[in-house]
N, C-alpha and C. Protein backbone atom coordinates (compact mmCIF):
# COMPACT_ATOMS: atom_id res chain seq x y z
N UNK A 1 0.89 -1.11 -0.08
CA UNK A 1 0.09 -0.14 0.01
C UNK A 1 0.79 0.96 0.23
N UNK A 2 2.10 1.18 0.81
CA UNK A 2 2.76 2.45 1.04
C UNK A 2 3.44 2.45 -0.37
N UNK A 3 3.67 1.42 -1.18
CA UNK A 3 4.54 1.60 -2.36
C UNK A 3 3.49 2.11 -3.17
N UNK A 4 2.46 1.68 -3.43
CA UNK A 4 1.62 2.18 -4.36
C UNK A 4 1.11 3.97 -3.98
N UNK A 5 1.05 4.27 -3.11
CA UNK A 5 1.01 5.73 -2.54
C UNK A 5 2.16 6.54 -2.96
N UNK A 6 3.31 5.80 -2.88
CA UNK A 6 4.39 6.62 -3.25
C UNK A 6 4.63 7.05 -4.56
N UNK A 7 4.11 5.75 -5.57
CA UNK A 7 3.91 5.77 -7.20
C UNK A 7 3.20 6.92 -7.11
N UNK A 8 1.76 6.77 -6.89
CA UNK A 8 1.13 7.87 -7.19
C UNK A 8 1.89 9.43 -7.03
N UNK A 9 2.20 9.41 -5.69
CA UNK A 9 2.95 10.60 -5.44
C UNK A 9 3.80 11.17 -6.62
N UNK A 10 4.78 10.31 -6.89
CA UNK A 10 5.86 10.26 -7.89
C UNK A 10 5.27 10.64 -9.23
N UNK A 11 4.46 9.87 -9.53
CA UNK A 11 3.57 10.16 -10.94
C UNK A 11 3.16 11.52 -10.92
N UNK A 12 2.41 11.88 -9.83
CA UNK A 12 1.70 13.32 -9.70
C UNK A 12 2.85 14.21 -9.94
N UNK A 13 3.72 14.22 -9.17
CA UNK A 13 5.03 15.05 -9.27
C UNK A 13 5.76 15.22 -10.80
N UNK A 14 5.60 14.09 -11.28
CA UNK A 14 6.02 14.08 -12.51
C UNK A 14 5.25 14.89 -13.72
N UNK A 15 3.55 14.59 -13.39
CA UNK A 15 2.91 15.36 -14.13
C UNK A 15 2.88 17.20 -13.94
N UNK A 16 3.04 17.19 -12.70
CA UNK A 16 3.23 18.62 -12.57
C UNK A 16 4.44 19.09 -13.13
N UNK A 17 5.56 18.64 -13.18
CA UNK A 17 6.78 19.03 -13.87
C UNK A 17 6.77 18.99 -15.41
N UNK A 18 6.05 18.02 -15.77
CA UNK A 18 5.70 17.73 -17.38
C UNK A 18 4.63 19.38 -17.94
N UNK A 19 3.96 19.33 -17.00
CA UNK A 19 2.96 20.66 -17.09
C UNK A 19 4.04 22.08 -17.28
N UNK A 20 4.93 22.20 -15.97
CA UNK A 20 5.81 23.18 -16.02
C UNK A 20 6.51 23.58 -17.09
N UNK A 21 6.81 22.24 -17.78
CA UNK A 21 7.71 22.06 -18.97
C UNK A 21 7.20 22.48 -19.96
N UNK A 22 6.08 21.87 -20.37
CA UNK A 22 5.04 22.66 -21.06
C UNK A 22 4.67 23.91 -21.47
N UNK A 23 4.63 24.59 -20.35
CA UNK A 23 4.35 26.14 -19.94
C UNK A 23 5.66 26.69 -20.28
N UNK A 24 6.75 26.47 -20.00
CA UNK A 24 7.77 27.06 -20.43
C UNK A 24 8.22 26.78 -21.68
N UNK A 25 8.05 25.69 -22.48
CA UNK A 25 8.22 25.48 -24.09
C UNK A 25 6.75 26.59 -24.92
N UNK A 26 5.87 26.51 -24.34
CA UNK A 26 5.11 27.61 -24.83
C UNK A 26 5.41 29.10 -24.81
N UNK A 27 5.95 29.57 -23.43
CA UNK A 27 6.46 30.91 -23.45
C UNK A 27 7.94 30.74 -24.36
N UNK A 28 8.78 29.97 -24.39
CA UNK A 28 9.97 29.98 -25.20
C UNK A 28 9.56 30.21 -26.94
N UNK A 29 8.41 29.45 -27.01
CA UNK A 29 7.85 29.43 -28.43
C UNK A 29 7.30 30.66 -28.76
N UNK A 30 6.61 31.39 -27.47
CA UNK A 30 6.12 32.80 -27.99
C UNK A 30 6.97 33.89 -28.27
N UNK A 31 8.12 33.73 -27.24
CA UNK A 31 9.44 34.46 -27.36
C UNK A 31 10.21 34.49 -28.72
N UNK A 32 10.37 33.46 -29.31
CA UNK A 32 11.09 32.97 -30.47
C UNK A 32 10.15 33.98 -31.52
N UNK A 33 8.95 33.44 -31.67
CA UNK A 33 7.93 33.99 -32.50
C UNK A 33 8.17 35.29 -32.56
N UNK A 34 7.97 36.15 -31.22
CA UNK A 34 8.21 37.46 -31.30
C UNK A 34 9.60 37.95 -31.98
N UNK A 35 10.48 37.35 -31.33
CA UNK A 35 11.82 37.62 -31.85
C UNK A 35 12.11 37.56 -33.45
N UNK A 36 11.25 36.35 -33.97
CA UNK A 36 11.38 36.48 -35.44
C UNK A 36 10.72 37.35 -36.39
N UNK A 37 9.24 37.66 -35.52
CA UNK A 37 8.64 38.74 -36.13
C UNK A 37 9.69 40.08 -36.12
N UNK A 38 10.10 40.46 -35.09
CA UNK A 38 11.06 41.77 -34.90
C UNK A 38 12.28 41.73 -35.81
N UNK A 39 12.78 40.39 -35.98
CA UNK A 39 14.06 40.48 -36.93
C UNK A 39 13.42 40.51 -38.45
N UNK A 40 12.18 40.02 -38.67
CA UNK A 40 11.78 40.37 -39.90
C UNK A 40 11.58 41.84 -40.11
N UNK A 41 10.95 42.45 -39.24
CA UNK A 41 10.83 43.97 -39.47
C UNK A 41 12.17 44.72 -39.46
N UNK A 42 12.94 44.24 -38.61
CA UNK A 42 14.34 44.69 -38.91
C UNK A 42 15.07 44.65 -40.44
N UNK A 43 14.84 43.66 -40.67
CA UNK A 43 15.26 43.28 -42.10
C UNK A 43 14.36 44.03 -42.92
N UNK A 44 13.36 44.37 -42.96
CA UNK A 44 12.60 45.16 -43.84
C UNK A 44 12.88 46.60 -43.62
N UNK A 45 13.52 47.07 -42.29
CA UNK A 45 13.83 48.21 -42.42
C UNK A 45 15.26 48.27 -42.96
N UNK A 46 16.07 47.50 -42.48
CA UNK A 46 17.29 47.79 -43.20
C UNK A 46 17.11 47.71 -44.69
N UNK A 47 16.28 46.93 -45.39
CA UNK A 47 16.41 47.12 -46.88
C UNK A 47 15.93 48.59 -47.35
N UNK A 48 14.82 48.70 -46.78
CA UNK A 48 14.49 50.32 -46.92
C UNK A 48 15.74 51.30 -46.86
N UNK A 49 16.42 50.98 -45.82
CA UNK A 49 17.44 51.96 -45.39
C UNK A 49 18.65 52.08 -46.58
N UNK A 50 18.84 50.73 -47.04
CA UNK A 50 19.68 50.39 -48.22
C UNK A 50 19.34 51.19 -49.44
N UNK A 51 18.38 50.70 -49.60
CA UNK A 51 17.94 51.59 -50.96
C UNK A 51 18.01 53.19 -50.76
N UNK A 52 17.42 53.50 -49.64
CA UNK A 52 17.49 55.12 -49.65
C UNK A 52 18.85 55.62 -49.60
N UNK A 53 19.78 54.90 -49.09
CA UNK A 53 21.15 55.17 -48.97
C UNK A 53 21.83 55.15 -50.52
N UNK A 54 21.47 54.07 -51.22
CA UNK A 54 21.94 53.79 -52.48
C UNK A 54 21.17 55.33 -53.45
N UNK A 55 19.99 55.63 -53.13
CA UNK A 55 19.28 56.66 -53.79
C UNK A 55 20.15 58.11 -53.69
N UNK A 56 20.44 57.93 -52.44
CA UNK A 56 20.75 59.18 -51.93
C UNK A 56 22.27 59.33 -52.22
N UNK A 57 23.04 58.31 -52.38
CA UNK A 57 24.43 58.27 -52.85
C UNK A 57 24.58 58.42 -54.69
N UNK A 58 23.31 58.22 -55.15
CA UNK A 58 23.41 58.61 -56.61
C UNK A 58 23.01 60.06 -56.94
N UNK A 59 22.22 60.54 -55.86
CA UNK A 59 21.86 62.11 -55.96
C UNK A 59 23.21 62.93 -55.54
N UNK A 60 24.19 62.27 -54.74
CA UNK A 60 25.23 62.98 -54.29
C UNK A 60 26.17 63.07 -55.61
N UNK A 61 26.42 61.58 -56.27
CA UNK A 61 27.04 61.30 -57.59
C UNK A 61 26.82 62.47 -58.43
N UNK A 62 25.65 62.82 -58.73
CA UNK A 62 24.73 63.85 -59.75
C UNK A 62 25.37 65.36 -59.43
N UNK A 63 25.23 65.49 -58.28
CA UNK A 63 25.69 66.87 -57.61
C UNK A 63 27.31 66.94 -57.98
N UNK A 64 27.95 65.92 -57.75
CA UNK A 64 29.42 66.06 -57.83
C UNK A 64 29.80 66.41 -59.52
N UNK A 65 29.27 65.73 -60.11
CA UNK A 65 29.61 65.73 -61.40
C UNK A 65 28.87 67.19 -62.26
N UNK A 66 28.14 67.73 -61.22
CA UNK A 66 27.45 68.62 -61.82
C UNK A 66 28.14 69.98 -62.29
N UNK A 67 29.42 70.18 -61.42
CA UNK A 67 30.14 71.07 -61.85
C UNK A 67 30.90 70.89 -63.22
N UNK A 68 31.22 69.75 -63.53
CA UNK A 68 31.81 69.29 -64.84
C UNK A 68 30.99 69.44 -65.96
N UNK A 69 29.39 69.52 -65.66
CA UNK A 69 28.78 69.31 -66.84
C UNK A 69 28.55 70.82 -66.75
N UNK A 70 28.56 71.84 -66.25
CA UNK A 70 28.14 73.07 -66.21
C UNK A 70 29.33 73.68 -66.72
N UNK A 71 30.80 73.37 -66.44
CA UNK A 71 31.93 73.72 -66.96
C UNK A 71 31.66 73.29 -68.91
N UNK A 72 31.30 72.30 -69.20
CA UNK A 72 31.63 71.71 -70.51
C UNK A 72 30.26 72.51 -71.25
N UNK A 73 29.09 72.85 -70.41
CA UNK A 73 28.27 73.79 -71.18
C UNK A 73 28.58 75.14 -71.27
N UNK A 74 29.26 75.53 -70.44
CA UNK A 74 29.94 77.06 -70.52
C UNK A 74 30.96 77.14 -71.35
N UNK A 75 31.47 76.04 -71.61
CA UNK A 75 32.52 76.37 -72.66
C UNK A 75 31.88 76.16 -74.25
N UNK A 76 31.04 75.40 -74.36
CA UNK A 76 30.09 75.11 -75.56
C UNK A 76 29.51 76.66 -75.93
N UNK A 77 29.02 77.30 -74.71
CA UNK A 77 27.91 78.44 -75.12
C UNK A 77 28.99 79.70 -75.23
N UNK A 78 30.38 79.63 -74.74
CA UNK A 78 31.07 80.66 -74.93
C UNK A 78 32.17 80.98 -75.32
N UNK A 79 32.00 79.97 -76.71
CA UNK A 79 33.34 79.70 -77.44
C UNK A 79 33.75 80.89 -78.06
C-alpha cells in the first residue's frame, strides 16, 4: 500500500513537472515567434534604408558631377 501511494505521488510530481515544462516551452515558443517577427521588421527596415542610401549616393554623385557638366556647357556656349 505504501509503495502504491509513493508511486502515485511520484507520478503526480512528474505530471506537475511536465506541465511546467510545457508552459515553459510555450513561453519560449512565444518569445521566439516575437523575436522572428522583430527580425523580419528589422530586415525590412534595413532593406528600405539600404535603398534610401543608394538613392542618396546617386544624388550625391549627380551633384558632384554637376560642376563638370556646367563647365562643359559654359565652354560650348562661350566659345
